[in-house]
Amino acid sequence: LWEEHARARAHPRAGQYRESAEVVTRLLAEARALGHLPLLAEVLMLDGELQTYLRDPERAEAVLDESWLTAEAAGMDRVKARALTYLVFTVGYDGHRPEEGQAWAKRAQATIQRIGGDVLLEATLENHIGSVHLKAGRLEQARRSFERGLELSQQLETPMEPAILVNLGTVLAHLGQLEAGLQVQRRALEASERAFGSGHPNTGHALLNLGGALHRMMRHEEALEYLGRAIEVFEGSYGPQHPLVASARIRRGYLLRQMQRGVEARADLERALAIMLGDRGRKHFDIASIYNNLAELDLAEGNLAAARAGFERATAIWEEAG
């Protein structure tokens, strides 16, 4: 089982998340049946990491919580530290609970200190803390965390630099430093293609964020190219119904609407809506934004009844969510 676990860990690193999920599901059942706590803690950690990549925060949180508790019982501080580090992102960023994410960060820092430090874990933790600050709108704190993580990543053979660069470029754009943010996103894409190849999900994220940076700078044709490439990578890695595919189609749909290419915009937004309704339910903010943008398209086409219905759907979701 340990050998199978080692092989399963190689799949996510290669961007083969769906392949890894099939193996991990079976491994987890076998580890539970065996009752060997060190193996169970490791497999749970792998499953939690995988669910984080697949953007299933509820399952990821439950599995990571069990992983660190199992690791604690088995005396495996390094596995515990990894699980706590991933809980920072899963709870604070994907779970939209930044203050809880900060609390997990303190536990992770204490555990890393107890094992005498670990550069990979420290860089990962800074990246996750920065993401939580970004989610909470604490932009300067996010920038400092990403810069610390980037500095730590220079000491590693593991290619962490692309992911941190993507996040740093995003926060620079939010700070109004659009040109600096754009250049960082270009560095992120180059580093990701060099480390992982053109079809890896990490490269998909770099493409998506570079497209977003170009969109903010009104460089629409360039942005359209990178967003299209991101969609291709995400569909190849996750399948056409994944939330990340929807997120990329939403971004491209907004861009196409601004470019007055309504038919193409509607196609992207309607496909994204179908994915989001199946994945997150009708009350998600992204769904409200899609309804609003589809209503704008209806309004531009003179379809007033459809526009009104779309605006009402969007408003109802936003008001209910507060």
Protein backbone atom coordinates (compact mmCIF):
# COMPACT_ATOMS: atom_id res chain seq x y z
CA LEU A 1 0.00 0.00 0.00
CA TRP A 2 2.88 2.37 0.69
CA GLU A 3 4.16 1.81 -2.85
CA GLU A 4 0.70 2.52 -4.28
CA HIS A 5 0.52 5.67 -2.15
CA ALA A 6 3.84 6.85 -3.57
CA ARG A 7 2.61 6.26 -7.12
CA ALA A 8 -0.68 8.04 -6.36
CA ARG A 9 1.22 11.08 -5.10
CA ALA A 10 2.94 11.35 -8.48
CA HIS A 11 -0.34 11.85 -10.37
CA PRO A 12 -1.27 15.29 -8.91
CA ARG A 13 2.26 16.56 -9.48
CA ALA A 14 1.84 15.68 -13.15
CA GLY A 15 -1.59 17.35 -13.22
CA GLN A 16 -3.39 13.98 -13.44
CA TYR A 17 -5.99 14.76 -10.78
CA ARG A 18 -8.81 12.56 -12.04
CA GLU A 19 -6.48 9.55 -12.32
CA SER A 20 -5.23 10.15 -8.78
CA ALA A 21 -8.78 10.47 -7.39
CA GLU A 22 -9.66 6.96 -8.54
CA VAL A 23 -6.57 5.47 -6.91
CA VAL A 24 -6.92 7.44 -3.67
CA THR A 25 -10.56 6.41 -3.18
CA ARG A 26 -9.52 2.76 -3.20
CA LEU A 27 -6.40 3.36 -1.09
CA LEU A 28 -8.40 5.21 1.53
CA ALA A 29 -10.84 2.31 1.93
CA GLU A 30 -7.95 -0.16 2.26
CA ALA A 31 -6.08 2.05 4.76
CA ARG A 32 -9.19 2.36 6.93
CA ALA A 33 -9.71 -1.41 6.84
CA LEU A 34 -6.08 -2.00 7.78
CA GLY A 35 -6.27 0.47 10.68
CA HIS A 36 -2.63 1.53 10.32
CA LEU A 37 -2.62 5.15 11.51
CA PRO A 38 0.56 6.38 9.74
CA LEU A 39 -0.67 5.11 6.36
CA LEU A 40 -4.18 6.43 6.98
CA ALA A 41 -2.85 9.88 7.88
CA GLU A 42 -0.77 10.01 4.68
CA VAL A 43 -3.59 8.84 2.43
CA LEU A 44 -6.02 11.28 4.03
CA MET A 45 -3.49 14.06 3.45
CA LEU A 46 -3.14 13.08 -0.19
CA ASP A 47 -6.94 13.01 -0.59
CA GLY A 48 -7.25 16.43 1.05
CA GLU A 49 -4.56 17.89 -1.18
CA LEU A 50 -6.26 16.38 -4.21
CA GLN A 51 -9.69 17.76 -3.26
CA THR A 52 -8.09 21.17 -2.82
CA TYR A 53 -6.77 20.98 -6.40
CA LEU A 54 -10.20 19.80 -7.59
CA ARG A 55 -11.81 22.74 -5.73
CA ASP A 56 -14.15 20.72 -3.52
CA PRO A 57 -13.69 22.71 -0.28
CA GLU A 58 -16.28 20.87 1.82
CA ARG A 59 -14.77 17.46 1.18
CA ALA A 60 -11.23 18.83 1.40
CA GLU A 61 -11.90 20.40 4.80
CA ALA A 62 -13.41 17.21 6.23
CA VAL A 63 -10.57 15.02 4.95
CA LEU A 64 -7.78 17.40 6.01
CA ASP A 65 -9.33 17.73 9.47
CA GLU A 66 -9.29 13.96 9.85
CA SER A 67 -5.75 13.82 8.46
CA TRP A 68 -4.19 16.14 11.02
CA LEU A 69 -6.04 14.44 13.89
CA THR A 70 -4.90 11.02 12.67
CA ALA A 71 -1.35 12.31 12.25
CA GLU A 72 -1.47 13.70 15.79
CA ALA A 73 -2.52 10.31 17.12
CA ALA A 74 0.28 8.63 15.13
CA GLY A 75 2.93 11.15 16.21
CA MET A 76 3.52 12.31 12.61
CA ASP A 77 4.16 16.02 13.03
CA ARG A 78 5.23 16.64 9.44
CA VAL A 79 1.99 15.20 8.03
CA LYS A 80 0.07 17.17 10.63
CA ALA A 81 1.84 20.36 9.54
CA ARG A 82 1.00 19.70 5.89
CA ALA A 83 -2.67 19.10 6.66
CA LEU A 84 -2.90 22.27 8.77
CA THR A 85 -1.17 24.25 6.01
CA TYR A 86 -3.73 23.13 3.45
CA LEU A 87 -6.61 23.84 5.84
CA VAL A 88 -5.53 27.50 5.78
CA PHE A 89 -6.35 27.71 2.07
CA THR A 90 -9.33 25.34 2.08
CA VAL A 91 -11.11 27.09 4.95
CA GLY A 92 -9.86 30.66 4.55
CA TYR A 93 -9.92 31.04 0.77
CA ASP A 94 -12.06 28.36 -0.88
CA GLY A 95 -14.37 28.24 2.14
CA HIS A 96 -14.73 32.05 2.32
CA ARG A 97 -13.89 32.10 6.07
CA PRO A 98 -10.67 34.14 6.24
CA GLU A 99 -10.60 34.59 10.01
CA GLU A 100 -10.84 30.84 10.56
CA GLY A 101 -8.12 30.42 7.95
CA GLN A 102 -5.87 32.70 9.98
CA ALA A 103 -6.49 30.57 13.07
CA TRP A 104 -5.42 27.45 11.16
CA ALA A 105 -2.31 29.34 10.02
CA LYS A 106 -1.22 29.87 13.63
CA ARG A 107 -1.57 26.14 14.33
CA ALA A 108 0.39 25.32 11.18
CA GLN A 109 3.18 27.76 12.11
CA ALA A 110 3.47 26.25 15.58
CA THR A 111 3.68 22.72 14.19
CA ILE A 112 6.30 23.69 11.59
CA GLN A 113 8.32 25.31 14.36
CA ARG A 114 8.10 22.13 16.42
CA ILE A 115 9.61 20.02 13.61
CA GLY A 116 12.50 22.46 13.31
CA GLY A 117 11.27 24.26 10.19
CA ASP A 118 10.61 23.10 6.64
CA VAL A 119 11.20 25.49 3.73
CA LEU A 120 8.63 23.85 1.44
CA LEU A 121 5.92 23.97 4.10
CA GLU A 122 6.86 27.53 5.07
CA ALA A 123 6.67 28.72 1.44
CA THR A 124 3.35 26.92 0.93
CA LEU A 125 1.98 28.40 4.14
CA GLU A 126 2.98 31.95 3.16
CA ASN A 127 1.27 31.44 -0.20
CA HIS A 128 -1.90 30.21 1.52
CA ILE A 129 -1.85 33.01 4.10
CA GLY A 130 -1.44 35.53 1.29
CA SER A 131 -4.47 34.03 -0.48
CA VAL A 132 -6.54 34.38 2.71
CA HIS A 133 -5.47 38.03 3.09
CA LEU A 134 -6.41 38.61 -0.56
CA LYS A 135 -9.83 37.06 0.00
CA ALA A 136 -10.34 39.39 2.99
CA GLY A 137 -9.19 42.46 1.03
CA ARG A 138 -6.02 42.93 3.09
CA LEU A 139 -3.91 43.69 0.05
CA GLU A 140 -0.66 44.91 1.59
CA GLN A 141 -0.56 41.96 3.97
CA ALA A 142 -1.25 39.63 1.04
CA ARG A 143 1.59 41.18 -0.95
CA ARG A 144 4.04 40.77 1.93
CA SER A 145 3.05 37.11 2.39
CA PHE A 146 3.46 36.35 -1.32
CA GLU A 147 6.84 38.09 -1.40
CA ARG A 148 8.03 36.06 1.61
CA GLY A 149 6.78 32.89 -0.03
CA LEU A 150 8.53 33.79 -3.27
CA GLU A 151 11.81 34.37 -1.43
CA LEU A 152 11.51 31.00 0.31
CA SER A 153 10.66 29.26 -2.98
CA GLN A 154 14.08 30.22 -4.38
CA GLN A 155 15.62 27.70 -1.96
CA LEU A 156 13.54 24.80 -3.30
CA GLU A 157 13.96 22.31 -6.08
CA THR A 158 10.17 21.83 -6.08
CA PRO A 159 8.71 24.39 -8.55
CA MET A 160 6.54 26.53 -6.27
CA GLU A 161 7.49 29.83 -7.89
CA PRO A 162 4.78 29.87 -10.64
CA ALA A 163 1.84 29.62 -8.23
CA ILE A 164 3.19 32.34 -5.96
CA LEU A 165 3.94 34.61 -8.92
CA VAL A 166 0.34 34.23 -10.15
CA ASN A 167 -0.94 35.35 -6.75
CA LEU A 168 1.56 38.19 -6.43
CA GLY A 169 0.61 39.48 -9.88
CA THR A 170 -3.06 39.40 -8.88
CA VAL A 171 -2.53 41.41 -5.70
CA LEU A 172 -0.39 43.97 -7.52
CA ALA A 173 -3.25 44.51 -9.98
CA HIS A 174 -5.68 44.99 -7.08
CA LEU A 175 -3.27 47.57 -5.68
CA GLY A 176 -3.51 49.47 -8.96
CA GLN A 177 -0.05 48.47 -10.20
CA LEU A 178 -1.36 47.09 -13.48
CA GLU A 179 1.84 47.07 -15.52
CA ALA A 180 3.87 45.54 -12.68
CA GLY A 181 1.14 42.93 -12.17
CA LEU A 182 1.12 42.11 -15.88
CA GLN A 183 4.88 41.56 -15.96
CA VAL A 184 4.68 39.26 -12.93
CA GLN A 185 1.91 37.24 -14.63
CA ARG A 186 4.12 36.85 -17.71
CA ARG A 187 6.92 35.57 -15.45
CA ALA A 188 4.44 33.15 -13.87
CA LEU A 189 3.41 31.71 -17.24
CA GLU A 190 7.01 31.31 -18.39
CA ALA A 191 7.98 29.63 -15.12
CA SER A 192 4.96 27.30 -15.22
CA GLU A 193 5.53 26.20 -18.80
CA ARG A 194 9.18 25.59 -18.00
CA ALA A 195 8.43 23.58 -14.85
CA PHE A 196 5.22 21.73 -15.78
CA GLY A 197 4.61 22.01 -19.52
CA SER A 198 1.90 23.74 -21.52
CA GLY A 199 -0.97 21.40 -20.63
CA HIS A 200 -0.62 21.27 -16.82
CA PRO A 201 -3.40 22.79 -14.65
CA ASN A 202 -0.84 25.13 -13.02
CA THR A 203 -0.15 26.53 -16.48
CA GLY A 204 -3.92 26.88 -16.93
CA HIS A 205 -4.05 29.11 -13.86
CA ALA A 206 -1.17 31.20 -15.19
CA LEU A 207 -2.94 31.57 -18.55
CA LEU A 208 -6.19 32.54 -16.84
CA ASN A 209 -4.57 35.20 -14.70
CA LEU A 210 -2.49 36.61 -17.55
CA GLY A 211 -5.69 36.87 -19.58
CA GLY A 212 -7.34 38.68 -16.68
CA ALA A 213 -4.42 41.11 -16.37
CA LEU A 214 -4.61 41.94 -20.09
CA HIS A 215 -8.40 42.37 -19.82
CA ARG A 216 -7.99 44.91 -17.02
CA MET A 217 -5.58 46.84 -19.25
CA MET A 218 -8.14 46.82 -22.10
CA ARG A 219 -5.89 44.67 -24.31
CA HIS A 220 -8.85 42.59 -25.37
CA GLU A 221 -7.56 40.55 -28.29
CA GLU A 222 -4.50 39.39 -26.34
CA ALA A 223 -6.66 38.59 -23.32
CA LEU A 224 -9.02 36.53 -25.48
CA GLU A 225 -6.17 34.34 -26.69
CA TYR A 226 -4.91 33.49 -23.19
CA LEU A 227 -8.39 32.88 -21.77
CA GLY A 228 -9.12 30.48 -24.62
CA ARG A 229 -5.92 28.57 -23.91
CA ALA A 230 -6.83 28.40 -20.20
CA ILE A 231 -10.21 26.85 -21.03
CA GLU A 232 -8.52 24.22 -23.19
CA VAL A 233 -6.08 23.31 -20.40
CA PHE A 234 -8.77 23.10 -17.70
CA GLU A 235 -11.09 21.01 -19.86
CA GLY A 236 -8.22 18.65 -20.66
CA SER A 237 -7.21 18.33 -17.00
CA TYR A 238 -10.57 18.31 -15.20
CA GLY A 239 -13.22 17.63 -17.83
CA PRO A 240 -15.74 20.11 -19.31
CA GLN A 241 -18.01 20.31 -16.23
CA HIS A 242 -15.47 21.47 -13.66
CA PRO A 243 -15.93 24.79 -11.77
CA LEU A 244 -12.57 26.07 -13.03
CA VAL A 245 -13.82 25.62 -16.60
CA ALA A 246 -16.87 27.64 -15.60
CA SER A 247 -14.71 30.37 -14.04
CA ALA A 248 -12.64 30.68 -17.21
CA ARG A 249 -15.75 30.78 -19.39
CA ILE A 250 -17.26 33.47 -17.16
CA ARG A 251 -14.17 35.63 -17.60
CA ARG A 252 -14.18 35.12 -21.35
CA GLY A 253 -17.92 35.76 -21.50
CA TYR A 254 -17.52 39.12 -19.74
CA LEU A 255 -14.71 40.03 -22.11
CA LEU A 256 -16.68 39.05 -25.21
CA ARG A 257 -19.65 41.12 -24.01
CA GLN A 258 -17.39 44.16 -23.70
CA MET A 259 -16.10 43.44 -27.21
CA GLN A 260 -19.70 43.53 -28.50
CA ARG A 261 -19.56 39.86 -29.46
CA GLY A 262 -22.87 38.97 -27.88
CA VAL A 263 -23.53 35.57 -29.43
CA GLU A 264 -20.16 34.19 -28.30
CA ALA A 265 -20.51 35.83 -24.89
CA ARG A 266 -23.91 34.25 -24.35
CA ALA A 267 -22.60 30.80 -25.31
CA ASP A 268 -19.78 31.02 -22.73
CA LEU A 269 -22.01 32.43 -19.98
CA GLU A 270 -24.79 29.87 -20.51
CA ARG A 271 -22.32 26.98 -20.43
CA ALA A 272 -20.76 28.41 -17.27
CA LEU A 273 -24.20 28.81 -15.70
CA ALA A 274 -25.06 25.17 -16.35
CA ILE A 275 -21.83 24.06 -14.68
CA MET A 276 -22.28 26.36 -11.67
CA LEU A 277 -25.92 25.37 -11.11
CA GLY A 278 -24.88 21.73 -11.06
CA ASP A 279 -21.90 22.34 -8.79
CA ARG A 280 -22.81 25.02 -6.27
CA GLY A 281 -26.55 25.60 -6.34
CA ARG A 282 -28.55 28.66 -7.27
CA LYS A 283 -27.36 31.01 -4.53
CA HIS A 284 -23.70 31.37 -5.42
CA PHE A 285 -22.42 34.90 -6.18
CA ASP A 286 -20.93 33.77 -9.50
CA ILE A 287 -24.36 32.58 -10.57
CA ALA A 288 -25.85 35.97 -9.74
CA SER A 289 -23.14 37.65 -11.82
CA ILE A 290 -23.89 35.37 -14.78
CA TYR A 291 -27.61 36.16 -14.59
CA ASN A 292 -26.75 39.87 -14.47
CA ASN A 293 -24.50 39.66 -17.52
CA LEU A 294 -26.99 37.60 -19.50
CA ALA A 295 -29.60 40.23 -18.63
CA GLU A 296 -27.27 42.92 -19.98
CA LEU A 297 -27.05 40.98 -23.23
CA ASP A 298 -30.87 40.66 -23.35
CA LEU A 299 -31.19 44.39 -22.75
CA ALA A 300 -28.73 45.20 -25.55
CA GLU A 301 -30.77 42.97 -27.88
CA GLY A 302 -34.03 44.68 -26.90
CA ASN A 303 -35.45 41.65 -25.08
CA LEU A 304 -36.78 43.63 -22.13
CA ALA A 305 -38.85 40.86 -20.48
CA ALA A 306 -35.89 38.46 -20.40
CA ALA A 307 -33.60 41.25 -19.18
CA ARG A 308 -35.94 42.10 -16.31
CA ALA A 309 -36.24 38.45 -15.28
CA GLY A 310 -32.45 38.06 -15.31
CA PHE A 311 -31.84 41.20 -13.25
CA GLU A 312 -34.47 40.04 -10.74
CA ARG A 313 -32.84 36.61 -10.39
CA ALA A 314 -29.43 38.20 -9.80
CA THR A 315 -30.79 40.71 -7.29
CA ALA A 316 -32.62 38.00 -5.35
CA ILE A 317 -29.43 35.94 -4.97
CA TRP A 318 -27.36 38.95 -3.89
CA GLU A 319 -29.99 40.09 -1.36
CA GLU A 320 -30.45 36.63 0.12
CA ALA A 321 -26.69 36.17 0.45
CA GLY A 322 -26.38 39.58 2.11
